[in-house]
Amino acid sequence: MPTEAGPDTNRFRCNACGRYFNTQQELAAHEIECRTAKASTGTGRHILEEQDSEPHMRNDAESKKHPFQHGTKQT
């Protein structure tokens, strides 16, 4: 099992590529091009829809104690 990241690190995850970010601003800047590239194919769009609809735990852990904040897209 992966080691838990330090406090206030890796709190945000890009649903397009899976990369972690420490702040929502870093994620938002990254997501612009990354999501566009992923959505350029039918398969990529389908994967993004699935990832955007699934809740992820912090560091993708199975714990429900610390919810993981992913993506900047609001539903």
PDB file of N, CA and C in Angstrom:
ATOM      1  N   MET A   1       0.849  -1.183   0.000  1.00  0.00           N
ATOM      2  CA  MET A   1       0.000   0.000   0.000  1.00  0.00           C
ATOM      3  C   MET A   1       0.891   1.243   0.000  1.00  0.00           C
ATOM      4  N   PRO A   2       0.532   2.272  -0.782  1.00  0.00           N
ATOM      5  CA  PRO A   2       1.357   3.468  -0.849  1.00  0.00           C
ATOM      6  C   PRO A   2       1.387   4.209   0.485  1.00  0.00           C
ATOM      7  N   THR A   3       2.464   4.917   0.702  1.00  0.00           N
ATOM      8  CA  THR A   3       2.606   5.728   1.908  1.00  0.00           C
ATOM      9  C   THR A   3       1.756   6.974   1.762  1.00  0.00           C
ATOM     10  N   GLU A   4       1.050   7.334   2.809  1.00  0.00           N
ATOM     11  CA  GLU A   4       0.215   8.533   2.818  1.00  0.00           C
ATOM     12  C   GLU A   4       1.101   9.764   2.661  1.00  0.00           C
ATOM     13  N   ALA A   5       0.680  10.698   1.822  1.00  0.00           N
ATOM     14  CA  ALA A   5       1.434  11.939   1.622  1.00  0.00           C
ATOM     15  C   ALA A   5       1.334  12.806   2.869  1.00  0.00           C
ATOM     16  N   GLY A   6       2.259  13.725   3.000  1.00  0.00           N
ATOM     17  CA  GLY A   6       2.248  14.640   4.137  1.00  0.00           C
ATOM     18  C   GLY A   6       1.009  15.512   4.128  1.00  0.00           C
ATOM     19  N   PRO A   7       0.733  16.139   5.258  1.00  0.00           N
ATOM     20  CA  PRO A   7      -0.449  17.016   5.338  1.00  0.00           C
ATOM     21  C   PRO A   7      -0.413  18.099   4.266  1.00  0.00           C
ATOM     22  N   ASP A   8      -1.555  18.362   3.696  1.00  0.00           N
ATOM     23  CA  ASP A   8      -1.732  19.408   2.684  1.00  0.00           C
ATOM     24  C   ASP A   8      -0.903  19.189   1.419  1.00  0.00           C
ATOM     25  N   THR A   9      -0.557  17.939   1.113  1.00  0.00           N
ATOM     26  CA  THR A   9       0.099  17.630  -0.156  1.00  0.00           C
ATOM     27  C   THR A   9      -0.772  16.660  -0.931  1.00  0.00           C
ATOM     28  N   ASN A  10      -0.661  16.712  -2.228  1.00  0.00           N
ATOM     29  CA  ASN A  10      -1.395  15.792  -3.110  1.00  0.00           C
ATOM     30  C   ASN A  10      -2.889  15.761  -2.824  1.00  0.00           C
ATOM     31  N   ARG A  11      -3.479  16.919  -2.547  1.00  0.00           N
ATOM     32  CA  ARG A  11      -4.894  16.970  -2.224  1.00  0.00           C
ATOM     33  C   ARG A  11      -5.777  16.997  -3.459  1.00  0.00           C
ATOM     34  N   PHE A  12      -5.210  17.309  -4.611  1.00  0.00           N
ATOM     35  CA  PHE A  12      -5.998  17.451  -5.829  1.00  0.00           C
ATOM     36  C   PHE A  12      -5.415  16.559  -6.912  1.00  0.00           C
ATOM     37  N   ARG A  13      -6.286  15.900  -7.673  1.00  0.00           N
ATOM     38  CA  ARG A  13      -5.852  14.952  -8.691  1.00  0.00           C
ATOM     39  C   ARG A  13      -6.506  15.291 -10.025  1.00  0.00           C
ATOM     40  N   CYS A  14      -5.734  15.277 -11.082  1.00  0.00           N
ATOM     41  CA  CYS A  14      -6.256  15.499 -12.428  1.00  0.00           C
ATOM     42  C   CYS A  14      -6.938  14.214 -12.887  1.00  0.00           C
ATOM     43  N   ASN A  15      -8.189  14.291 -13.234  1.00  0.00           N
ATOM     44  CA  ASN A  15      -8.923  13.111 -13.700  1.00  0.00           C
ATOM     45  C   ASN A  15      -8.475  12.672 -15.085  1.00  0.00           C
ATOM     46  N   ALA A  16      -7.859  13.553 -15.833  1.00  0.00           N
ATOM     47  CA  ALA A  16      -7.431  13.199 -17.178  1.00  0.00           C
ATOM     48  C   ALA A  16      -6.167  12.345 -17.175  1.00  0.00           C
ATOM     49  N   CYS A  17      -5.187  12.702 -16.341  1.00  0.00           N
ATOM     50  CA  CYS A  17      -3.907  11.983 -16.366  1.00  0.00           C
ATOM     51  C   CYS A  17      -3.546  11.324 -15.038  1.00  0.00           C
ATOM     52  N   GLY A  18      -4.241  11.667 -13.967  1.00  0.00           N
ATOM     53  CA  GLY A  18      -3.970  11.054 -12.670  1.00  0.00           C
ATOM     54  C   GLY A  18      -2.889  11.744 -11.858  1.00  0.00           C
ATOM     55  N   ARG A  19      -2.326  12.809 -12.367  1.00  0.00           N
ATOM     56  CA  ARG A  19      -1.261  13.518 -11.650  1.00  0.00           C
ATOM     57  C   ARG A  19      -1.832  14.254 -10.445  1.00  0.00           C
ATOM     58  N   TYR A  20      -1.053  14.306  -9.366  1.00  0.00           N
ATOM     59  CA  TYR A  20      -1.476  14.969  -8.128  1.00  0.00           C
ATOM     60  C   TYR A  20      -0.926  16.382  -8.041  1.00  0.00           C
ATOM     61  N   PHE A  21      -1.687  17.258  -7.374  1.00  0.00           N
ATOM     62  CA  PHE A  21      -1.285  18.650  -7.167  1.00  0.00           C
ATOM     63  C   PHE A  21      -1.580  19.050  -5.729  1.00  0.00           C
ATOM     64  N   ASN A  22      -0.799  20.001  -5.224  1.00  0.00           N
ATOM     65  CA  ASN A  22      -0.969  20.443  -3.842  1.00  0.00           C
ATOM     66  C   ASN A  22      -2.056  21.495  -3.689  1.00  0.00           C
ATOM     67  N   THR A  23      -2.300  22.287  -4.724  1.00  0.00           N
ATOM     68  CA  THR A  23      -3.311  23.334  -4.625  1.00  0.00           C
ATOM     69  C   THR A  23      -4.291  23.249  -5.794  1.00  0.00           C
ATOM     70  N   GLN A  24      -5.455  23.805  -5.577  1.00  0.00           N
ATOM     71  CA  GLN A  24      -6.469  23.819  -6.625  1.00  0.00           C
ATOM     72  C   GLN A  24      -6.029  24.717  -7.783  1.00  0.00           C
ATOM     73  N   GLN A  25      -5.262  25.764  -7.483  1.00  0.00           N
ATOM     74  CA  GLN A  25      -4.774  26.655  -8.532  1.00  0.00           C
ATOM     75  C   GLN A  25      -3.814  25.916  -9.461  1.00  0.00           C
ATOM     76  N   GLU A  26      -2.912  25.101  -8.891  1.00  0.00           N
ATOM     77  CA  GLU A  26      -1.988  24.319  -9.714  1.00  0.00           C
ATOM     78  C   GLU A  26      -2.758  23.348 -10.610  1.00  0.00           C
ATOM     79  N   LEU A  27      -3.752  22.692 -10.036  1.00  0.00           N
ATOM     80  CA  LEU A  27      -4.563  21.751 -10.801  1.00  0.00           C
ATOM     81  C   LEU A  27      -5.325  22.472 -11.913  1.00  0.00           C
ATOM     82  N   ALA A  28      -5.927  23.604 -11.598  1.00  0.00           N
ATOM     83  CA  ALA A  28      -6.712  24.348 -12.587  1.00  0.00           C
ATOM     84  C   ALA A  28      -5.849  24.771 -13.768  1.00  0.00           C
ATOM     85  N   ALA A  29      -4.626  25.224 -13.507  1.00  0.00           N
ATOM     86  CA  ALA A  29      -3.732  25.633 -14.586  1.00  0.00           C
ATOM     87  C   ALA A  29      -3.350  24.430 -15.453  1.00  0.00           C
ATOM     88  N   HIS A  30      -3.118  23.296 -14.841  1.00  0.00           N
ATOM     89  CA  HIS A  30      -2.738  22.081 -15.557  1.00  0.00           C
ATOM     90  C   HIS A  30      -3.900  21.517 -16.373  1.00  0.00           C
ATOM     91  N   GLU A  31      -5.092  21.512 -15.790  1.00  0.00           N
ATOM     92  CA  GLU A  31      -6.249  20.849 -16.404  1.00  0.00           C
ATOM     93  C   GLU A  31      -6.681  21.421 -17.747  1.00  0.00           C
ATOM     94  N   ILE A  32      -6.426  22.683 -17.979  1.00  0.00           N
ATOM     95  CA  ILE A  32      -6.896  23.319 -19.214  1.00  0.00           C
ATOM     96  C   ILE A  32      -6.454  22.527 -20.437  1.00  0.00           C
ATOM     97  N   GLU A  33      -5.164  22.309 -20.574  1.00  0.00           N
ATOM     98  CA  GLU A  33      -4.655  21.582 -21.734  1.00  0.00           C
ATOM     99  C   GLU A  33      -4.832  20.077 -21.586  1.00  0.00           C
ATOM    100  N   CYS A  34      -4.678  19.563 -20.371  1.00  0.00           N
ATOM    101  CA  CYS A  34      -4.727  18.122 -20.160  1.00  0.00           C
ATOM    102  C   CYS A  34      -6.119  17.557 -20.468  1.00  0.00           C
ATOM    103  N   ARG A  35      -7.156  18.206 -19.958  1.00  0.00           N
ATOM    104  CA  ARG A  35      -8.521  17.733 -20.212  1.00  0.00           C
ATOM    105  C   ARG A  35      -8.887  17.876 -21.686  1.00  0.00           C
ATOM    106  N   THR A  36      -8.424  18.956 -22.311  1.00  0.00           N
ATOM    107  CA  THR A  36      -8.700  19.162 -23.733  1.00  0.00           C
ATOM    108  C   THR A  36      -8.082  18.040 -24.560  1.00  0.00           C
ATOM    109  N   ALA A  37      -6.843  17.700 -24.237  1.00  0.00           N
ATOM    110  CA  ALA A  37      -6.166  16.627 -24.971  1.00  0.00           C
ATOM    111  C   ALA A  37      -6.873  15.292 -24.747  1.00  0.00           C
ATOM    112  N   LYS A  38      -7.259  15.016 -23.513  1.00  0.00           N
ATOM    113  CA  LYS A  38      -7.924  13.745 -23.202  1.00  0.00           C
ATOM    114  C   LYS A  38      -9.280  13.664 -23.909  1.00  0.00           C
ATOM    115  N   ALA A  39      -9.996  14.769 -23.948  1.00  0.00           N
ATOM    116  CA  ALA A  39     -11.339  14.790 -24.533  1.00  0.00           C
ATOM    117  C   ALA A  39     -11.319  14.823 -26.056  1.00  0.00           C
ATOM    118  N   SER A  40     -10.137  14.846 -26.650  1.00  0.00           N
ATOM    119  CA  SER A  40     -10.070  14.925 -28.110  1.00  0.00           C
ATOM    120  C   SER A  40     -10.415  13.603 -28.796  1.00  0.00           C
ATOM    121  N   THR A  41     -10.546  12.531 -28.017  1.00  0.00           N
ATOM    122  CA  THR A  41     -10.957  11.242 -28.594  1.00  0.00           C
ATOM    123  C   THR A  41     -12.224  10.761 -27.898  1.00  0.00           C
ATOM    124  N   GLY A  42     -12.963   9.917 -28.547  1.00  0.00           N
ATOM    125  CA  GLY A  42     -14.182   9.370 -27.958  1.00  0.00           C
ATOM    126  C   GLY A  42     -13.900   8.572 -26.702  1.00  0.00           C
ATOM    127  N   THR A  43     -12.854   7.761 -26.740  1.00  0.00           N
ATOM    128  CA  THR A  43     -12.490   6.967 -25.568  1.00  0.00           C
ATOM    129  C   THR A  43     -12.078   7.871 -24.419  1.00  0.00           C
ATOM    130  N   GLY A  44     -11.313   8.909 -24.720  1.00  0.00           N
ATOM    131  CA  GLY A  44     -10.881   9.856 -23.688  1.00  0.00           C
ATOM    132  C   GLY A  44     -12.056  10.558 -23.048  1.00  0.00           C
ATOM    133  N   ARG A  45     -13.028  10.976 -23.858  1.00  0.00           N
ATOM    134  CA  ARG A  45     -14.228  11.629 -23.312  1.00  0.00           C
ATOM    135  C   ARG A  45     -14.974  10.684 -22.384  1.00  0.00           C
ATOM    136  N   HIS A  46     -15.094   9.429 -22.775  1.00  0.00           N
ATOM    137  CA  HIS A  46     -15.788   8.437 -21.956  1.00  0.00           C
ATOM    138  C   HIS A  46     -15.067   8.241 -20.617  1.00  0.00           C
ATOM    139  N   ILE A  47     -13.743   8.148 -20.653  1.00  0.00           N
ATOM    140  CA  ILE A  47     -12.970   7.976 -19.425  1.00  0.00           C
ATOM    141  C   ILE A  47     -13.127   9.188 -18.517  1.00  0.00           C
ATOM    142  N   LEU A  48     -13.090  10.395 -19.088  1.00  0.00           N
ATOM    143  CA  LEU A  48     -13.278  11.602 -18.281  1.00  0.00           C
ATOM    144  C   LEU A  48     -14.652  11.628 -17.622  1.00  0.00           C
ATOM    145  N   GLU A  49     -15.685  11.247 -18.354  1.00  0.00           N
ATOM    146  CA  GLU A  49     -17.027  11.211 -17.777  1.00  0.00           C
ATOM    147  C   GLU A  49     -17.082  10.263 -16.585  1.00  0.00           C
ATOM    148  N   GLU A  50     -16.461   9.100 -16.739  1.00  0.00           N
ATOM    149  CA  GLU A  50     -16.432   8.130 -15.638  1.00  0.00           C
ATOM    150  C   GLU A  50     -15.661   8.677 -14.445  1.00  0.00           C
ATOM    151  N   GLN A  51     -14.478   9.236 -14.698  1.00  0.00           N
ATOM    152  CA  GLN A  51     -13.653   9.760 -13.610  1.00  0.00           C
ATOM    153  C   GLN A  51     -14.331  10.930 -12.908  1.00  0.00           C
ATOM    154  N   ASP A  52     -14.991  11.802 -13.660  1.00  0.00           N
ATOM    155  CA  ASP A  52     -15.662  12.956 -13.065  1.00  0.00           C
ATOM    156  C   ASP A  52     -16.854  12.544 -12.203  1.00  0.00           C
ATOM    157  N   SER A  53     -17.447  11.395 -12.490  1.00  0.00           N
ATOM    158  CA  SER A  53     -18.620  10.976 -11.732  1.00  0.00           C
ATOM    159  C   SER A  53     -18.262  10.143 -10.498  1.00  0.00           C
ATOM    160  N   GLU A  54     -17.017   9.663 -10.415  1.00  0.00           N
ATOM    161  CA  GLU A  54     -16.603   8.825  -9.291  1.00  0.00           C
ATOM    162  C   GLU A  54     -15.950   9.656  -8.194  1.00  0.00           C
ATOM    163  N   PRO A  55     -16.351   9.455  -6.940  1.00  0.00           N
ATOM    164  CA  PRO A  55     -15.624  10.119  -5.850  1.00  0.00           C
ATOM    165  C   PRO A  55     -14.306   9.389  -5.622  1.00  0.00           C
ATOM    166  N   HIS A  56     -13.239  10.134  -5.411  1.00  0.00           N
ATOM    167  CA  HIS A  56     -11.936   9.554  -5.131  1.00  0.00           C
ATOM    168  C   HIS A  56     -11.545   9.921  -3.713  1.00  0.00           C
ATOM    169  N   MET A  57     -10.903   9.014  -3.033  1.00  0.00           N
ATOM    170  CA  MET A  57     -10.425   9.295  -1.702  1.00  0.00           C
ATOM    171  C   MET A  57      -9.046   9.951  -1.809  1.00  0.00           C
ATOM    172  N   ARG A  58      -8.612  10.627  -0.754  1.00  0.00           N
ATOM    173  CA  ARG A  58      -7.309  11.263  -0.741  1.00  0.00           C
ATOM    174  C   ARG A  58      -6.244  10.230  -1.078  1.00  0.00           C
ATOM    175  N   ASN A  59      -5.374  10.570  -2.003  1.00  0.00           N
ATOM    176  CA  ASN A  59      -4.334   9.667  -2.507  1.00  0.00           C
ATOM    177  C   ASN A  59      -4.921   8.372  -3.052  1.00  0.00           C
ATOM    178  N   ASP A  60      -6.185   8.413  -3.440  1.00  0.00           N
ATOM    179  CA  ASP A  60      -6.908   7.248  -3.940  1.00  0.00           C
ATOM    180  C   ASP A  60      -6.952   6.115  -2.925  1.00  0.00           C
ATOM    181  N   ALA A  61      -6.815   6.445  -1.660  1.00  0.00           N
ATOM    182  CA  ALA A  61      -6.890   5.434  -0.597  1.00  0.00           C
ATOM    183  C   ALA A  61      -8.336   5.006  -0.404  1.00  0.00           C
ATOM    184  N   GLU A  62      -8.540   3.909   0.251  1.00  0.00           N
ATOM    185  CA  GLU A  62      -9.888   3.393   0.471  1.00  0.00           C
ATOM    186  C   GLU A  62     -10.548   3.995   1.710  1.00  0.00           C
ATOM    187  N   SER A  63      -9.854   4.859   2.416  1.00  0.00           N
ATOM    188  CA  SER A  63     -10.386   5.451   3.635  1.00  0.00           C
ATOM    189  C   SER A  63     -11.466   6.472   3.308  1.00  0.00           C
ATOM    190  N   LYS A  64     -12.533   6.465   4.042  1.00  0.00           N
ATOM    191  CA  LYS A  64     -13.580   7.470   3.872  1.00  0.00           C
ATOM    192  C   LYS A  64     -13.364   8.628   4.852  1.00  0.00           C
ATOM    193  N   LYS A  65     -12.292   8.554   5.628  1.00  0.00           N
ATOM    194  CA  LYS A  65     -12.007   9.569   6.638  1.00  0.00           C
ATOM    195  C   LYS A  65     -11.580  10.899   6.029  1.00  0.00           C
ATOM    196  N   HIS A  66     -10.769  10.854   4.956  1.00  0.00           N
ATOM    197  CA  HIS A  66     -10.260  12.083   4.344  1.00  0.00           C
ATOM    198  C   HIS A  66     -10.675  12.134   2.884  1.00  0.00           C
ATOM    199  N   PRO A  67     -11.808  12.775   2.549  1.00  0.00           N
ATOM    200  CA  PRO A  67     -12.228  12.832   1.154  1.00  0.00           C
ATOM    201  C   PRO A  67     -11.163  13.493   0.288  1.00  0.00           C
ATOM    202  N   PHE A  68     -11.039  12.982  -0.909  1.00  0.00           N
ATOM    203  CA  PHE A  68     -10.055  13.463  -1.875  1.00  0.00           C
ATOM    204  C   PHE A  68     -10.740  14.426  -2.824  1.00  0.00           C
ATOM    205  N   GLN A  69     -10.156  15.568  -3.053  1.00  0.00           N
ATOM    206  CA  GLN A  69     -10.736  16.561  -3.945  1.00  0.00           C
ATOM    207  C   GLN A  69     -10.130  16.382  -5.325  1.00  0.00           C
ATOM    208  N   HIS A  70     -10.950  16.089  -6.318  1.00  0.00           N
ATOM    209  CA  HIS A  70     -10.389  15.834  -7.641  1.00  0.00           C
ATOM    210  C   HIS A  70     -11.040  16.715  -8.677  1.00  0.00           C
ATOM    211  N   GLY A  71     -10.240  17.150  -9.590  1.00  0.00           N
ATOM    212  CA  GLY A  71     -10.741  17.974 -10.696  1.00  0.00           C
ATOM    213  C   GLY A  71     -11.277  19.320 -10.258  1.00  0.00           C
ATOM    214  N   THR A  72     -11.402  20.232 -11.184  1.00  0.00           N
ATOM    215  CA  THR A  72     -11.989  21.534 -10.886  1.00  0.00           C
ATOM    216  C   THR A  72     -13.375  21.633 -11.502  1.00  0.00           C
ATOM    217  N   LYS A  73     -13.757  20.619 -12.280  1.00  0.00           N
ATOM    218  CA  LYS A  73     -15.066  20.634 -12.922  1.00  0.00           C
ATOM    219  C   LYS A  73     -16.162  20.463 -11.874  1.00  0.00           C
ATOM    220  N   GLN A  74     -17.083  21.376 -11.861  1.00  0.00           N
ATOM    221  CA  GLN A  74     -18.192  21.324 -10.912  1.00  0.00           C
ATOM    222  C   GLN A  74     -19.398  20.671 -11.587  1.00  0.00           C
ATOM    223  N   THR A  75     -20.042  19.744 -10.889  1.00  0.00           N
ATOM    224  CA  THR A  75     -21.227  19.081 -11.460  1.00  0.00           C
ATOM    225  C   THR A  75     -22.486  19.674 -10.901  1.00  0.00           C
TER     226      THR A  75
END
